[in-house]
Protein backbone atom coordinates (compact mmCIF):
# COMPACT_ATOMS: atom_id res chain seq x y z
CA MET A 1 -15.18 -64.04 15.78
CA THR A 2 -11.81 -64.59 14.10
CA THR A 3 -11.62 -64.32 10.33
CA THR A 4 -9.49 -67.08 8.83
CA PRO A 5 -7.42 -66.73 5.66
CA GLN A 6 -9.79 -69.23 4.04
CA ALA A 7 -12.79 -67.02 4.85
CA VAL A 8 -11.06 -64.03 3.31
CA ARG A 9 -10.37 -66.03 0.14
CA ARG A 10 -14.07 -67.10 -0.04
CA ALA A 11 -15.28 -63.50 0.37
CA SER A 12 -16.66 -61.82 -2.71
CA PRO A 13 -14.60 -59.17 -4.52
CA ARG A 14 -17.08 -56.54 -3.29
CA ALA A 15 -16.60 -57.64 0.30
CA ARG A 16 -12.83 -57.53 -0.03
CA ARG A 17 -13.01 -53.96 -1.39
CA THR A 18 -15.21 -52.96 1.53
CA VAL A 19 -12.77 -54.10 4.19
CA THR A 20 -9.74 -52.59 2.45
CA PRO A 21 -8.93 -49.31 4.22
CA PRO A 22 -8.77 -46.28 1.91
CA ASP A 23 -5.47 -44.66 1.18
CA PRO A 24 -5.45 -41.63 3.51
CA ALA A 25 -2.96 -39.80 1.30
CA ARG A 26 -5.02 -39.95 -1.90
CA PRO A 27 -7.11 -36.78 -1.30
CA LEU A 28 -3.92 -34.88 -0.56
CA LEU A 29 -1.99 -35.77 -3.70
CA PRO A 30 -1.78 -33.44 -6.69
CA ASP A 31 -2.71 -34.48 -10.21
CA ALA A 32 -0.03 -36.63 -11.81
CA GLU A 33 0.35 -33.97 -14.53
CA PRO A 34 0.10 -30.20 -14.08
CA VAL A 35 -3.43 -28.88 -14.55
CA ARG A 36 -3.78 -27.24 -17.96
CA LEU A 37 -6.84 -25.61 -19.55
CA LEU A 38 -5.09 -24.07 -22.58
CA ASP A 39 -2.43 -25.72 -24.69
CA PRO A 40 0.77 -23.75 -25.46
CA THR A 41 -0.84 -22.25 -28.59
CA GLY A 42 -3.81 -20.87 -26.63
CA THR A 43 -6.25 -23.53 -27.82
CA PRO A 44 -8.72 -24.61 -25.11
CA LEU A 45 -8.46 -28.15 -23.78
CA PRO A 46 -11.43 -30.22 -22.57
CA ALA A 47 -13.22 -28.54 -19.66
CA ARG A 48 -12.68 -29.84 -16.13
CA THR A 49 -15.42 -29.91 -13.54
CA ASP A 50 -12.89 -29.69 -10.70
CA TYR A 51 -11.36 -26.53 -12.13
CA PRO A 52 -14.05 -24.57 -13.97
CA GLU A 53 -12.87 -21.77 -16.22
CA PRO A 54 -13.00 -18.33 -14.55
CA PRO A 55 -15.54 -15.77 -15.87
CA VAL A 56 -14.54 -14.02 -19.08
CA GLU A 57 -14.50 -10.64 -17.30
CA ALA A 58 -11.88 -11.98 -14.91
CA LEU A 59 -9.80 -13.25 -17.84
CA ARG A 60 -9.95 -9.87 -19.59
CA GLU A 61 -8.74 -8.18 -16.41
CA LEU A 62 -6.07 -10.84 -16.05
CA TYR A 63 -4.85 -10.00 -19.55
CA ARG A 64 -4.84 -6.24 -18.86
CA ARG A 65 -2.85 -6.55 -15.67
CA MET A 66 -0.40 -8.99 -17.26
CA VAL A 67 0.31 -6.47 -20.05
CA LEU A 68 0.85 -3.70 -17.49
CA GLY A 69 2.95 -6.03 -15.38
CA ARG A 70 5.25 -6.99 -18.24
CA ARG A 71 5.71 -3.33 -19.23
CA PHE A 72 6.48 -2.45 -15.61
CA ASP A 73 9.03 -5.26 -15.46
CA THR A 74 10.74 -4.07 -18.64
CA GLN A 75 10.85 -0.51 -17.34
CA ALA A 76 12.24 -1.56 -13.96
CA THR A 77 14.99 -3.52 -15.71
CA ALA A 78 15.88 -0.41 -17.72
CA LEU A 79 15.94 1.72 -14.56
CA THR A 80 18.49 -0.68 -13.11
CA LYS A 81 20.75 -0.24 -16.12
CA GLN A 82 20.40 3.54 -15.73
CA GLY A 83 21.53 3.36 -12.11
CA ARG A 84 18.14 4.29 -10.66
CA LEU A 85 17.79 0.93 -8.94
CA ALA A 86 20.47 -0.91 -7.02
CA VAL A 87 19.12 -4.30 -8.07
CA TYR A 88 16.02 -5.74 -9.74
CA PRO A 89 14.85 -9.38 -9.83
CA SER A 90 12.78 -9.69 -13.01
CA SER A 91 9.67 -11.87 -13.11
CA ARG A 92 9.32 -11.84 -16.89
CA GLY A 93 7.84 -15.16 -18.00
CA GLN A 94 5.99 -15.57 -14.71
CA GLU A 95 3.23 -13.03 -15.46
CA ALA A 96 0.45 -15.61 -15.24
CA CYS A 97 1.52 -16.59 -11.73
CA GLN A 98 2.15 -13.05 -10.52
CA VAL A 99 -1.17 -11.60 -11.65
CA ALA A 100 -3.49 -14.59 -11.22
CA ALA A 101 -2.43 -14.84 -7.58
CA VAL A 102 -3.58 -11.26 -7.01
CA LEU A 103 -6.93 -11.84 -8.71
CA ALA A 104 -7.55 -15.02 -6.73
CA VAL A 105 -7.62 -13.22 -3.37
CA ARG A 106 -9.64 -10.35 -1.93
CA ASP A 107 -8.20 -6.91 -1.23
CA THR A 108 -8.68 -7.68 2.47
CA ASP A 109 -6.67 -10.91 2.25
CA TRP A 110 -2.95 -10.74 2.99
CA MET A 111 -0.12 -11.38 0.56
CA PHE A 112 3.40 -12.35 1.63
CA PRO A 113 5.75 -11.67 -1.29
CA THR A 114 9.36 -12.56 -1.98
CA TYR A 115 11.85 -10.16 -3.55
CA ARG A 116 10.65 -11.26 -7.03
CA GLU A 117 7.00 -10.26 -6.58
CA SER A 118 7.26 -6.62 -7.68
CA MET A 119 4.92 -7.38 -10.58
CA ALA A 120 2.37 -8.92 -8.23
CA LEU A 121 2.52 -5.84 -6.00
CA VAL A 122 1.80 -3.41 -8.82
CA ALA A 123 -0.97 -5.75 -10.04
CA ARG A 124 -2.45 -5.41 -6.56
CA GLY A 125 -2.60 -1.65 -7.10
CA ILE A 126 0.38 -0.58 -4.99
CA ASP A 127 2.18 2.52 -6.26
CA PRO A 128 5.10 1.26 -8.42
CA VAL A 129 7.48 3.85 -6.96
CA GLU A 130 6.66 2.55 -3.47
CA VAL A 131 7.20 -1.00 -4.72
CA LEU A 132 10.67 -0.12 -6.05
CA THR A 133 11.72 1.85 -2.97
CA LEU A 134 13.30 -1.24 -1.39
CA LEU A 135 15.21 -2.02 -4.58
CA ARG A 136 16.36 1.58 -4.89
CA GLY A 137 17.80 1.31 -1.39
CA ASP A 138 16.29 4.34 0.33
CA TRP A 139 13.85 2.55 2.64
CA HIS A 140 13.13 -0.96 3.89
CA CYS A 141 9.58 -0.92 2.48
CA GLY A 142 8.04 1.88 0.47
CA TYR A 143 4.38 1.08 1.15
CA ASP A 144 2.30 0.75 4.31
CA PRO A 145 1.80 -3.02 4.73
CA THR A 146 -1.32 -2.65 6.88
CA ALA A 147 -3.00 -0.30 4.40
CA VAL A 148 -2.58 -2.68 1.46
CA HIS A 149 -2.65 -5.97 3.38
CA THR A 150 0.70 -6.90 1.88
CA ALA A 151 3.78 -7.78 3.91
CA PRO A 152 7.13 -6.22 3.00
CA GLN A 153 8.99 -8.02 0.24
CA CYS A 154 11.03 -10.78 1.81
CA THR A 155 14.67 -11.21 0.80
CA PRO A 156 15.59 -14.13 3.11
CA LEU A 157 14.26 -17.34 1.62
CA ALA A 158 11.05 -18.83 3.08
CA THR A 159 10.78 -16.71 6.23
CA GLN A 160 7.45 -15.37 4.93
CA CYS A 161 6.03 -18.90 5.18
CA VAL A 162 6.08 -18.66 8.96
CA HIS A 163 4.77 -15.08 8.93
CA ALA A 164 1.84 -16.09 6.71
CA ALA A 165 0.94 -19.02 8.96
CA GLY A 166 1.00 -16.83 12.06
CA LEU A 167 -1.12 -14.05 10.59
CA ALA A 168 -3.64 -16.48 9.11
CA HIS A 169 -3.95 -18.33 12.41
CA GLY A 170 -4.44 -15.06 14.26
CA GLU A 171 -7.12 -13.88 11.85
CA ALA A 172 -9.00 -17.19 12.12
CA TYR A 173 -8.69 -17.09 15.91
CA GLN A 174 -10.46 -13.72 15.88
CA GLY A 175 -13.27 -15.05 13.72
CA ARG A 176 -12.29 -13.38 10.45
CA ASP A 177 -12.25 -15.24 7.13
CA THR A 178 -8.99 -13.70 5.95
CA VAL A 179 -6.74 -15.83 3.74
CA ALA A 180 -2.97 -15.40 3.56
CA LEU A 181 -1.21 -16.16 0.29
CA ALA A 182 2.53 -16.77 0.56
CA PHE A 183 4.66 -16.65 -2.58
CA ILE A 184 7.58 -19.09 -2.60
CA GLY A 185 10.29 -20.02 -5.06
CA ASP A 186 11.39 -23.58 -5.74
CA GLY A 187 14.62 -23.04 -3.80
CA ALA A 188 12.67 -21.86 -0.75
CA THR A 189 11.07 -25.30 -0.36
CA SER A 190 14.51 -26.55 0.73
CA GLU A 191 14.57 -24.10 3.63
CA GLY A 192 13.53 -24.97 7.17
CA ASP A 193 11.11 -22.05 7.44
CA PHE A 194 9.00 -23.50 4.64
CA HIS A 195 8.58 -26.78 6.50
CA GLU A 196 7.95 -25.09 9.86
CA GLY A 197 5.39 -22.75 8.35
CA ILE A 198 3.40 -25.36 6.46
CA ASN A 199 3.49 -27.77 9.41
CA PHE A 200 2.17 -25.11 11.81
CA ALA A 201 -0.52 -24.10 9.33
CA ALA A 202 -1.60 -27.72 8.89
CA VAL A 203 -1.78 -28.49 12.60
CA PHE A 204 -3.80 -25.36 13.41
CA LYS A 205 -5.74 -25.34 10.10
CA ALA A 206 -4.54 -21.84 9.34
CA PRO A 207 -6.08 -20.46 6.12
CA VAL A 208 -2.88 -20.16 4.06
CA VAL A 209 -2.21 -20.82 0.39
CA TYR A 210 1.44 -21.61 -0.22
CA PHE A 211 2.11 -20.75 -3.85
CA VAL A 212 5.35 -22.19 -5.20
CA GLN A 213 6.53 -20.66 -8.47
CA ASN A 214 8.84 -23.37 -9.71
CA ASN A 215 10.89 -21.44 -12.27
CA ARG A 216 13.50 -24.21 -12.47
CA TYR A 217 16.41 -22.41 -10.81
CA ALA A 218 17.30 -21.21 -7.32
CA ILE A 219 19.70 -18.59 -8.64
CA SER A 220 21.96 -21.06 -10.50
CA VAL A 221 20.96 -24.29 -8.72
CA PRO A 222 18.71 -26.39 -10.98
CA LEU A 223 15.60 -28.12 -9.67
CA SER A 224 17.28 -31.53 -9.95
CA ARG A 225 19.66 -30.48 -7.16
CA GLN A 226 16.79 -29.26 -4.96
CA THR A 227 14.48 -32.26 -4.70
CA ALA A 228 13.99 -35.91 -5.59
CA ALA A 229 10.19 -35.64 -5.27
CA PRO A 230 8.04 -36.21 -8.40
CA SER A 231 7.17 -32.52 -8.10
CA LEU A 232 7.32 -29.93 -5.34
CA ALA A 233 3.56 -30.20 -4.87
CA TYR A 234 4.09 -33.65 -3.36
CA LYS A 235 5.73 -32.02 -0.35
CA GLY A 236 2.29 -31.21 1.03
CA VAL A 237 1.28 -34.80 1.72
CA GLY A 238 3.84 -35.24 4.51
CA TYR A 239 2.13 -32.48 6.46
CA GLY A 240 -1.45 -33.51 5.72
CA VAL A 241 -1.86 -30.59 3.31
CA PRO A 242 -3.75 -31.03 0.01
CA SER A 243 -1.84 -29.82 -3.01
CA GLU A 244 -2.00 -29.31 -6.74
CA GLN A 245 0.40 -28.65 -9.59
CA VAL A 246 -0.47 -26.41 -12.50
CA ASP A 247 1.03 -25.23 -15.76
CA GLY A 248 2.29 -21.85 -14.58
CA ASN A 249 2.33 -20.46 -18.13
CA ASP A 250 -1.38 -21.18 -18.60
CA PRO A 251 -3.06 -18.08 -17.11
CA VAL A 252 -6.54 -19.60 -17.18
CA ALA A 253 -5.46 -22.72 -15.32
CA VAL A 254 -3.40 -20.79 -12.75
CA LEU A 255 -6.37 -18.58 -11.87
CA ALA A 256 -8.72 -21.58 -11.72
CA VAL A 257 -6.43 -23.60 -9.44
CA LEU A 258 -5.64 -20.69 -7.12
CA THR A 259 -9.32 -19.77 -6.89
CA ARG A 260 -10.09 -23.26 -5.64
CA ALA A 261 -7.13 -23.23 -3.24
CA VAL A 262 -8.21 -19.89 -1.73
CA ALA A 263 -11.80 -21.13 -1.36
CA HIS A 264 -10.49 -24.24 0.43
CA ALA A 265 -8.52 -22.13 2.90
CA ARG A 266 -11.34 -19.62 3.45
CA ALA A 267 -13.80 -22.44 4.20
CA GLY A 268 -11.77 -23.37 7.29
CA LYS A 269 -10.22 -26.50 5.80
CA GLY A 270 -6.65 -25.42 6.46
CA PRO A 271 -3.75 -24.67 4.14
CA PHE A 272 -3.34 -25.60 0.49
CA LEU A 273 -0.12 -26.00 -1.50
CA VAL A 274 0.03 -25.05 -5.18
CA GLU A 275 3.05 -25.57 -7.41
CA ALA A 276 3.16 -23.66 -10.70
CA HIS A 277 5.58 -24.93 -13.34
CA THR A 278 6.97 -21.81 -15.00
CA TYR A 279 10.26 -20.26 -16.08
CA ARG A 280 12.33 -17.18 -15.30
CA MET A 281 13.21 -15.68 -18.68
CA GLU A 282 15.70 -13.12 -17.39
CA PRO A 283 18.74 -13.65 -15.12
CA HIS A 284 18.20 -14.04 -11.39
CA THR A 285 18.93 -10.30 -11.02
CA ASN A 286 20.87 -7.74 -13.03
CA ALA A 287 23.99 -8.97 -11.18
CA ASP A 288 23.61 -12.51 -12.52
CA ASP A 289 25.02 -14.10 -15.68
CA ALA A 290 22.46 -16.79 -16.48
CA SER A 291 24.45 -18.04 -19.47
CA ARG A 292 26.86 -19.71 -17.05
CA TYR A 293 24.28 -22.28 -15.94
CA ARG A 294 21.65 -22.55 -18.71
CA ASP A 295 21.84 -22.48 -22.49
CA GLY A 296 19.98 -20.37 -25.00
CA ALA A 297 18.05 -23.30 -26.45
CA GLU A 298 16.36 -23.87 -23.10
CA VAL A 299 15.34 -20.21 -22.86
CA ASP A 300 14.05 -20.23 -26.45
CA ALA A 301 11.91 -23.29 -25.76
CA TRP A 302 10.22 -21.52 -22.86
CA ARG A 303 9.82 -18.33 -24.88
CA ASP A 304 7.49 -20.31 -27.14
CA ARG A 305 5.28 -20.93 -24.08
CA ASP A 306 4.74 -17.20 -23.45
CA PRO A 307 1.79 -16.90 -21.03
CA LEU A 308 0.73 -13.48 -22.34
CA ALA A 309 0.58 -14.59 -25.98
CA ARG A 310 -1.26 -17.72 -24.87
CA LEU A 311 -4.02 -15.76 -23.15
CA GLU A 312 -4.29 -13.16 -25.91
CA THR A 313 -4.75 -15.88 -28.54
CA TYR A 314 -7.48 -17.52 -26.49
CA LEU A 315 -9.39 -14.30 -25.80
CA ARG A 316 -9.20 -13.28 -29.46
CA ALA A 317 -10.59 -16.66 -30.48
CA ARG A 318 -13.49 -16.19 -28.07
CA GLY A 319 -14.24 -12.80 -29.58
CA VAL A 320 -13.73 -10.85 -26.37
CA LEU A 321 -10.46 -9.22 -27.44
CA ASP A 322 -9.67 -7.43 -30.70
CA ASP A 323 -7.01 -5.14 -32.15
CA ALA A 324 -8.60 -2.04 -30.65
CA ALA A 325 -8.72 -3.54 -27.16
CA VAL A 326 -5.13 -4.78 -27.43
CA ALA A 327 -3.97 -1.32 -28.53
CA GLU A 328 -5.88 0.34 -25.71
CA VAL A 329 -4.22 -1.84 -23.08
CA ALA A 330 -0.81 -1.28 -24.68
CA ASP A 331 -1.37 2.49 -24.50
CA GLN A 332 -2.27 2.19 -20.81
CA ALA A 333 0.94 0.24 -20.23
CA GLU A 334 3.07 2.86 -21.99
CA ALA A 335 1.49 5.67 -19.98
CA TYR A 336 2.11 3.67 -16.81
CA ALA A 337 5.79 3.19 -17.72
CA ALA A 338 6.23 6.86 -18.64
CA ASP A 339 4.83 7.98 -15.29
CA LEU A 340 7.10 5.54 -13.49
CA ARG A 341 10.16 6.82 -15.39
CA ALA A 342 9.37 10.43 -14.60
CA ARG A 343 8.92 9.82 -10.89
CA MET A 344 11.90 7.52 -10.55
CA ASN A 345 14.16 10.16 -12.12
CA THR A 346 13.60 12.37 -9.09
CA GLN A 347 16.32 11.88 -6.52
CA PRO A 348 14.81 10.69 -3.22
CA THR A 349 15.33 12.65 -0.02
CA VAL A 350 16.84 10.40 2.62
CA ASP A 351 16.92 11.22 6.34
CA PRO A 352 19.71 9.24 8.04
CA LEU A 353 17.85 9.40 11.35
CA SER A 354 14.99 7.41 9.82
CA LEU A 355 17.30 4.42 10.22
CA PHE A 356 16.10 4.24 13.81
CA ASP A 357 12.38 4.47 13.07
CA HIS A 358 10.18 1.39 13.48
CA VAL A 359 12.91 -0.73 15.05
CA TYR A 360 10.93 -1.05 18.28
CA ALA A 361 7.54 0.31 19.31
CA GLU A 362 9.33 1.77 22.34
CA PRO A 363 12.98 2.61 21.55
CA THR A 364 15.49 0.98 23.88
CA PRO A 365 17.98 3.15 25.78
CA GLN A 366 20.75 1.83 23.53
CA LEU A 367 18.82 2.78 20.40
CA VAL A 368 18.15 6.28 21.75
CA GLU A 369 21.85 6.68 22.53
CA GLN A 370 22.86 5.56 19.03
CA ARG A 371 20.36 7.91 17.43
CA GLU A 372 21.72 10.85 19.39
CA LEU A 373 25.26 9.97 18.35
CA VAL A 374 24.24 10.04 14.70
CA ARG A 375 22.32 13.27 15.22
CA ALA A 376 25.43 14.89 16.75
CA GLU A 377 27.63 13.67 13.89
CA LEU A 378 25.22 15.08 11.30
CA ALA A 379 25.10 18.42 13.11
CA ALA A 380 28.90 18.58 13.29
CA ALA A 381 29.18 17.80 9.57
CA HIS A 382 26.64 20.51 8.80
CA ASP A 383 28.60 23.04 10.87
CA GLU A 384 31.84 22.14 9.05
CA GLU A 385 30.13 22.70 5.67
CA GLY A 386 28.93 26.10 6.91
CA ASP A 387 32.42 27.10 8.01
CA ALA A 388 33.82 26.08 4.65
């Protein structure tokens, strides 16, 4: 039977709604505004059933690790100025993102960090000296990735997106419920590896959470020169990936959103994209002059949105944090920084032949030949020193 235009016009409003196909993109789209559970002063906003507030114990631990993380970041910056580190990309201002991401996953889940995730790595419990080994320049990665389920820090933009998709797919293929969490910067979403990784993960329903920390600048390139999308979270819809955007300086909201995203991935529903709106308070690295591309008023405005102060205010208001507890955590952070200083002031022992380790499982003939050449040169140099 053919339906005429006249029949459609005579149909009831309910009937017309029934035959209208649903918008397939709607479940994939993020909220129009970033999810926020605390306002910038730390005052709670109306509760949301879709993003319930994490348990208070989790929020206390989130606060503790954020304090330690900020103190670590300050100490690492100082070590750079003292010549103990070759370079250091600070994540000050992004503490909520760095630490909440760690608390949202299990120790057996995998993390794929960028070069800016040093704070996240120490929040995960990795030895801070091992974390800074790459940035000191004496080894490619100071920790054992398989022991801590954390990939080496990734300097090339977005390549970890593909790595995370592959590992997550492999884990799911073997029947394990492992989730991979890949950290990404806003600039990395313009790279091909980001699109390849998220597309692969979507097609094969790999349990990956892609966590974009949108700190407004890709080195000196502002967000307006990176994308014309309403927000970076909207990039998920083109790949059939659900997404959300969150106030990245609201620690409670970041943990709530990431908890839901990880649960989505672990349940076998495929990847999830989260964009956190935050800000990098310090220059890109110690080699950068941020005053050349942003003004002080912008930085001051974001300083008033300090995620650590926001969480402390909220926890004090709830009566689960007081002066004694704040002082205790501060003392822990100072002891942590002092231990890091002492150990980083010891000059590392570097073996030039280690350059050839871990290049291949089975060294190629060419690699063996090159290693022997270096060994011979080192021996000759040693002999010359002895003769002198």
